[in-house]
Protein backbone atom coordinates (compact mmCIF):
# COMPACT_ATOMS: atom_id res chain seq x y z
CA MET A 1 124.80 175.44 16.62
CA GLU A 2 127.37 177.87 18.25
CA GLN A 3 126.10 179.52 21.24
CA GLU A 4 125.24 183.25 20.62
CA ARG A 5 127.82 185.66 21.51
CA ILE A 6 126.55 188.23 24.16
CA GLN A 7 128.05 191.50 23.49
CA THR A 8 126.49 193.66 26.24
CA ALA A 9 125.11 193.38 29.63
CA GLU A 10 121.77 194.65 28.25
CA GLN A 11 121.61 191.88 25.57
CA TRP A 12 122.38 189.18 28.27
CA ALA A 13 119.64 190.55 30.45
CA VAL A 14 117.02 190.50 27.70
CA LEU A 15 117.91 187.12 26.59
CA THR A 16 117.86 185.87 30.23
CA TYR A 17 114.82 187.61 31.72
CA GLY A 18 113.11 189.26 28.77
CA ALA A 19 110.58 186.23 28.43
CA ALA A 20 110.00 185.85 32.20
CA LEU A 21 106.17 185.54 32.68
CA LEU A 22 105.65 187.84 35.66
CA ALA A 23 102.20 189.11 36.79
CA ASP A 24 102.85 192.52 35.44
CA THR A 25 104.85 193.38 32.34
CA ARG A 26 106.35 196.29 34.18
CA HIS A 27 108.00 193.67 36.46
CA THR A 28 109.62 191.98 33.54
CA ALA A 29 110.92 195.32 32.26
CA ARG A 30 112.22 196.05 35.67
CA ALA A 31 113.93 192.61 36.06
CA VAL A 32 115.79 193.22 32.73
CA GLN A 33 116.95 196.56 34.03
CA VAL A 34 118.08 195.24 37.24
CA ALA A 35 119.75 192.20 35.75
CA ALA A 36 121.70 194.48 33.24
CA SER A 37 122.88 196.61 36.16
CA MET A 38 124.03 193.66 38.08
CA ALA A 39 125.92 192.21 35.01
CA ARG A 40 127.72 195.45 34.42
CA PHE A 41 129.09 195.73 37.91
CA PRO A 42 128.95 191.95 39.13
CA MET A 43 131.32 192.43 42.12
CA GLU A 44 129.60 195.47 43.58
CA SER A 45 126.82 195.93 46.09
CA LEU A 46 123.28 196.42 45.03
CA PRO A 47 123.22 200.20 45.73
CA VAL A 48 126.36 200.56 43.67
CA GLN A 49 125.03 198.30 40.88
CA MET A 50 121.89 200.46 40.54
CA ARG A 51 123.69 203.70 40.45
CA SER A 52 121.10 205.69 42.33
CA GLN A 53 118.78 205.76 45.29
CA ALA A 54 115.79 205.56 43.20
CA GLY A 55 117.17 202.65 41.22
CA THR A 56 118.01 200.81 44.42
CA LYS A 57 114.52 201.33 45.85
CA ALA A 58 112.95 199.97 42.60
CA ALA A 59 115.21 197.01 42.65
CA TYR A 60 114.14 196.22 46.28
CA ARG A 61 110.44 196.65 45.53
CA LEU A 62 110.88 194.11 42.64
CA LEU A 63 112.73 191.60 44.91
CA GLU A 64 110.08 191.98 47.63
CA SER A 65 107.07 191.55 45.52
CA PRO A 66 105.22 188.21 45.96
CA LYS A 67 104.34 188.30 42.26
CA VAL A 68 107.96 187.96 41.34
CA THR A 69 109.22 184.43 42.14
CA TYR A 70 112.63 182.68 41.50
CA GLU A 71 110.83 179.99 39.31
CA ARG A 72 109.32 182.37 36.97
CA LEU A 73 112.51 184.41 36.65
CA ILE A 74 114.71 181.45 35.96
CA GLN A 75 112.32 179.41 33.65
CA PRO A 76 113.06 181.22 30.15
CA TYR A 77 116.79 181.08 30.98
CA VAL A 78 116.73 177.38 31.74
CA GLN A 79 114.67 176.65 28.57
CA HIS A 80 117.09 178.46 26.45
CA THR A 81 119.97 176.34 27.81
CA ARG A 82 118.12 173.13 27.24
CA MET A 83 117.37 174.18 23.64
CA GLN A 84 121.05 174.69 23.12
CA MET A 85 121.71 171.32 24.78
CA GLN A 86 119.47 169.60 22.26
CA GLN A 87 121.43 170.67 19.28
CA GLN A 88 124.77 169.13 20.42
CA LYS A 89 126.15 165.71 20.00
CA ARG A 90 127.23 165.38 23.68
CA VAL A 91 126.74 167.45 26.79
CA LEU A 92 128.17 167.24 30.28
CA LEU A 93 125.51 167.89 32.99
CA ILE A 94 127.83 168.90 35.91
CA GLN A 95 125.92 168.93 39.15
CA ASP A 96 126.95 170.17 42.67
CA THR A 97 125.52 171.73 45.88
CA THR A 98 126.38 175.28 47.04
CA GLU A 99 125.77 176.42 50.65
CA VAL A 100 124.49 180.02 50.69
CA ASP A 101 125.46 181.33 54.05
CA TYR A 102 123.42 183.98 55.98
CA GLN A 103 125.32 183.80 59.20
CA HIS A 104 125.98 187.60 59.11
CA HIS A 105 122.21 188.10 58.78
CA PRO A 106 120.91 186.77 62.01
CA THR A 107 117.47 188.32 61.72
CA THR A 108 116.76 186.68 58.41
CA THR A 109 113.81 184.10 58.75
CA GLY A 110 112.92 181.02 56.84
CA LEU A 111 116.52 179.54 56.62
CA GLY A 112 117.93 176.17 57.80
CA PRO A 113 121.15 174.89 59.19
CA ILE A 114 124.16 174.43 56.78
CA GLY A 115 127.87 173.37 57.14
CA GLN A 116 128.33 171.58 60.48
CA GLY A 117 124.90 172.98 61.68
CA ASP A 118 126.54 176.08 63.25
CA HIS A 119 125.57 178.49 60.40
CA GLN A 120 122.20 179.40 58.90
CA GLY A 121 121.28 179.67 55.12
CA TYR A 122 120.01 177.46 52.39
CA LEU A 123 121.31 174.92 49.80
CA LEU A 124 121.29 175.53 46.05
CA GLN A 125 121.50 172.44 43.57
CA THR A 126 122.79 173.50 40.25
CA VAL A 127 123.30 171.64 37.02
CA LEU A 128 125.60 173.28 34.60
CA ALA A 129 125.49 172.24 30.88
CA VAL A 130 128.97 172.18 29.34
CA SER A 131 130.60 170.80 25.94
CA PRO A 132 133.13 168.25 26.66
CA THR A 133 134.98 169.18 23.49
CA ASN A 134 135.63 173.02 23.82
CA ARG A 135 134.41 173.55 27.38
CA GLN A 136 131.65 175.95 26.12
CA VAL A 137 129.23 176.73 28.92
CA PHE A 138 125.62 176.45 27.67
CA GLY A 139 124.23 177.77 30.90
CA ILE A 140 122.17 176.36 33.77
CA ALA A 141 120.01 173.29 32.82
CA ALA A 142 118.37 172.81 36.27
CA GLN A 143 118.46 174.51 39.56
CA LYS A 144 116.73 173.97 42.84
CA PRO A 145 116.96 175.99 46.21
CA PHE A 146 116.05 174.00 49.25
CA LEU A 147 116.48 173.90 53.11
CA ARG A 148 118.32 171.19 55.00
CA GLN A 149 116.00 169.36 57.22
CA PRO A 150 117.62 168.22 60.53
CA ALA A 151 117.61 164.51 60.97
CA PRO A 152 115.26 163.33 63.96
CA GLU A 153 117.16 163.03 67.17
CA GLY A 154 118.34 159.44 67.91
CA GLU A 155 117.72 158.33 64.25
CA THR A 156 119.67 155.09 63.33
CA MET A 157 121.28 154.38 60.13
CA HIS A 158 118.61 151.76 59.22
CA GLN A 159 115.72 154.40 59.92
CA ARG A 160 117.59 156.90 57.70
CA GLU A 161 117.79 154.45 54.92
CA ARG A 162 114.06 153.87 55.09
CA ARG A 163 113.03 157.44 55.42
CA GLN A 164 111.02 158.63 52.55
CA GLN A 165 112.29 162.20 52.15
CA LYS A 166 116.12 162.52 52.07
CA GLU A 167 118.36 165.44 51.17
CA SER A 168 120.22 163.20 48.58
CA GLN A 169 117.03 162.87 46.39
CA VAL A 170 117.80 166.30 44.88
CA TRP A 171 120.25 164.56 42.61
CA GLN A 172 117.98 162.37 40.85
CA GLU A 173 115.17 165.08 40.96
CA GLN A 174 117.53 167.36 38.90
CA ALA A 175 118.22 164.64 36.37
CA GLN A 176 114.42 163.77 35.89
CA SER A 177 113.62 167.48 35.52
CA ILE A 178 116.11 167.56 32.48
CA GLY A 179 114.95 164.20 31.22
CA MET A 180 116.20 162.25 28.30
CA ALA A 181 118.49 163.54 25.52
CA PRO A 182 116.97 163.83 21.92
CA ALA A 183 118.01 161.58 19.15
CA ASN A 184 121.70 161.87 18.14
CA CYS A 185 122.56 163.42 21.32
CA GLU A 186 124.11 162.21 24.62
CA TYR A 187 123.72 163.63 28.08
CA ILE A 188 126.36 162.54 30.55
CA HIS A 189 125.79 163.51 34.39
CA VAL A 190 128.76 164.52 36.40
CA GLY A 191 128.83 164.72 40.15
CA ASP A 192 131.16 164.81 43.25
CA ARG A 193 131.03 162.45 46.21
CA GLY A 194 127.51 163.51 46.92
CA SER A 195 126.25 161.92 43.93
CA ASP A 196 127.40 158.34 44.79
CA ILE A 197 123.91 157.18 45.34
CA PHE A 198 122.35 154.12 43.76
CA ALA A 199 118.95 155.86 43.18
CA PHE A 200 120.69 158.64 41.20
CA MET A 201 122.53 155.97 38.96
CA GLU A 202 119.34 154.21 38.42
CA VAL A 203 117.53 157.42 37.30
CA CYS A 204 120.45 158.15 34.88
CA GLN A 205 120.31 154.62 33.42
CA ALA A 206 116.46 154.84 33.10
CA LEU A 207 116.84 158.02 31.10
CA GLY A 208 119.39 156.61 28.78
CA CYS A 209 122.13 158.98 30.25
CA GLY A 210 125.68 158.25 31.09
CA PHE A 211 127.20 159.28 34.25
CA VAL A 212 130.64 159.96 35.78
CA LEU A 213 130.72 160.13 39.45
CA ARG A 214 133.37 160.43 42.28
CA VAL A 215 132.63 157.49 44.45
CA LYS A 216 132.95 157.49 48.19
CA HIS A 217 131.56 153.99 48.87
CA ASN A 218 133.30 150.62 48.25
CA ARG A 219 131.39 148.90 45.30
CA ARG A 220 131.29 145.29 44.12
CA ILE A 221 130.56 145.60 40.42
CA ASP A 222 129.89 142.44 38.21
CA LEU A 223 129.51 143.33 34.56
CA LEU A 224 127.86 139.81 33.91
CA VAL A 225 125.15 140.70 36.40
CA ASP A 226 124.63 144.23 34.70
CA GLN A 227 124.09 142.47 31.43
CA GLY A 228 120.85 140.99 32.70
CA ASP A 229 119.89 137.98 30.89
CA THR A 230 123.48 136.51 30.47
CA PRO A 231 123.87 133.53 32.58
CA ILE A 232 126.51 133.61 35.37
CA PRO A 233 129.21 130.85 35.13
CA ALA A 234 129.40 128.75 38.31
CA ALA A 235 133.16 129.59 38.49
CA HIS A 236 132.30 133.27 38.54
CA GLN A 237 129.95 133.03 41.39
CA ARG A 238 132.72 131.78 43.73
CA ARG A 239 134.32 134.50 45.56
CA SER A 240 137.70 134.95 43.89
CA LYS A 241 140.95 135.73 45.63
CA GLN A 242 141.58 139.49 46.08
CA ARG A 243 143.90 141.91 47.58
CA ASP A 244 144.06 145.60 48.02
CA ALA A 245 146.62 147.61 46.21
CA HIS A 246 147.67 150.86 47.71
CA LEU A 247 148.97 153.26 45.01
CA PRO A 248 151.29 156.15 45.99
CA PRO A 249 150.07 159.70 45.12
CA ARG A 250 152.43 160.22 42.16
CA SER A 251 151.72 161.42 38.79
CA THR A 252 153.69 158.54 37.12
CA ILE A 253 153.37 155.06 38.49
CA SER A 254 155.20 152.08 37.11
CA LEU A 255 152.78 149.00 36.89
CA ARG A 256 154.19 145.45 37.04
CA LYS A 257 152.28 142.28 36.01
């Protein structure tokens, strides 16, 4: 099914936040109004977007309310995206991490280190659902904000590998939250160097999903081992001769047998 065409900011706001289950229906109505104003002027500051002092104060009251949470606001939007995904033959799930920098707001609390540790903010892990044929963007299929936890002082590489909670786990957690593709549909997870994690690959395989990753570690891949029950020939078990091939960074490379 072709994605609905959003003609106005108001229509987009209703579709995105109109079904948000907030504690008060007035909060939901206000969320739609604020979102529509933001969509009309996406590059402006909040006071300019709200167009009046009363509107700005109302937006701040909404954002400061403990009854209005990020999870409740984004839930209907994510559900709508996943419904569209389930009606496709193939979907690319492009995942990446964004650093939200609050360095210019030094009095803000509840943040963590970002970058090289000299700035403060939080991390936002997002999965964008895209069609591989016409590049149509269906929307956000999963998203999670989280804080970077500094590694214990003096931690060795072996200790880091054995640590239960690691920042890199967010990759497989996002894939698990999306789950398996329905029948006659294929999900393919796409990630940058940060996704080159065996645990993430294992989760993708367990969910029946494909994956395309930009690797940063040297790997030794054996297709016969990957086939499971296929016996490995003795000759194949011996280490074969190998050599590294350094290719120049050119668009056209002549290969010679």
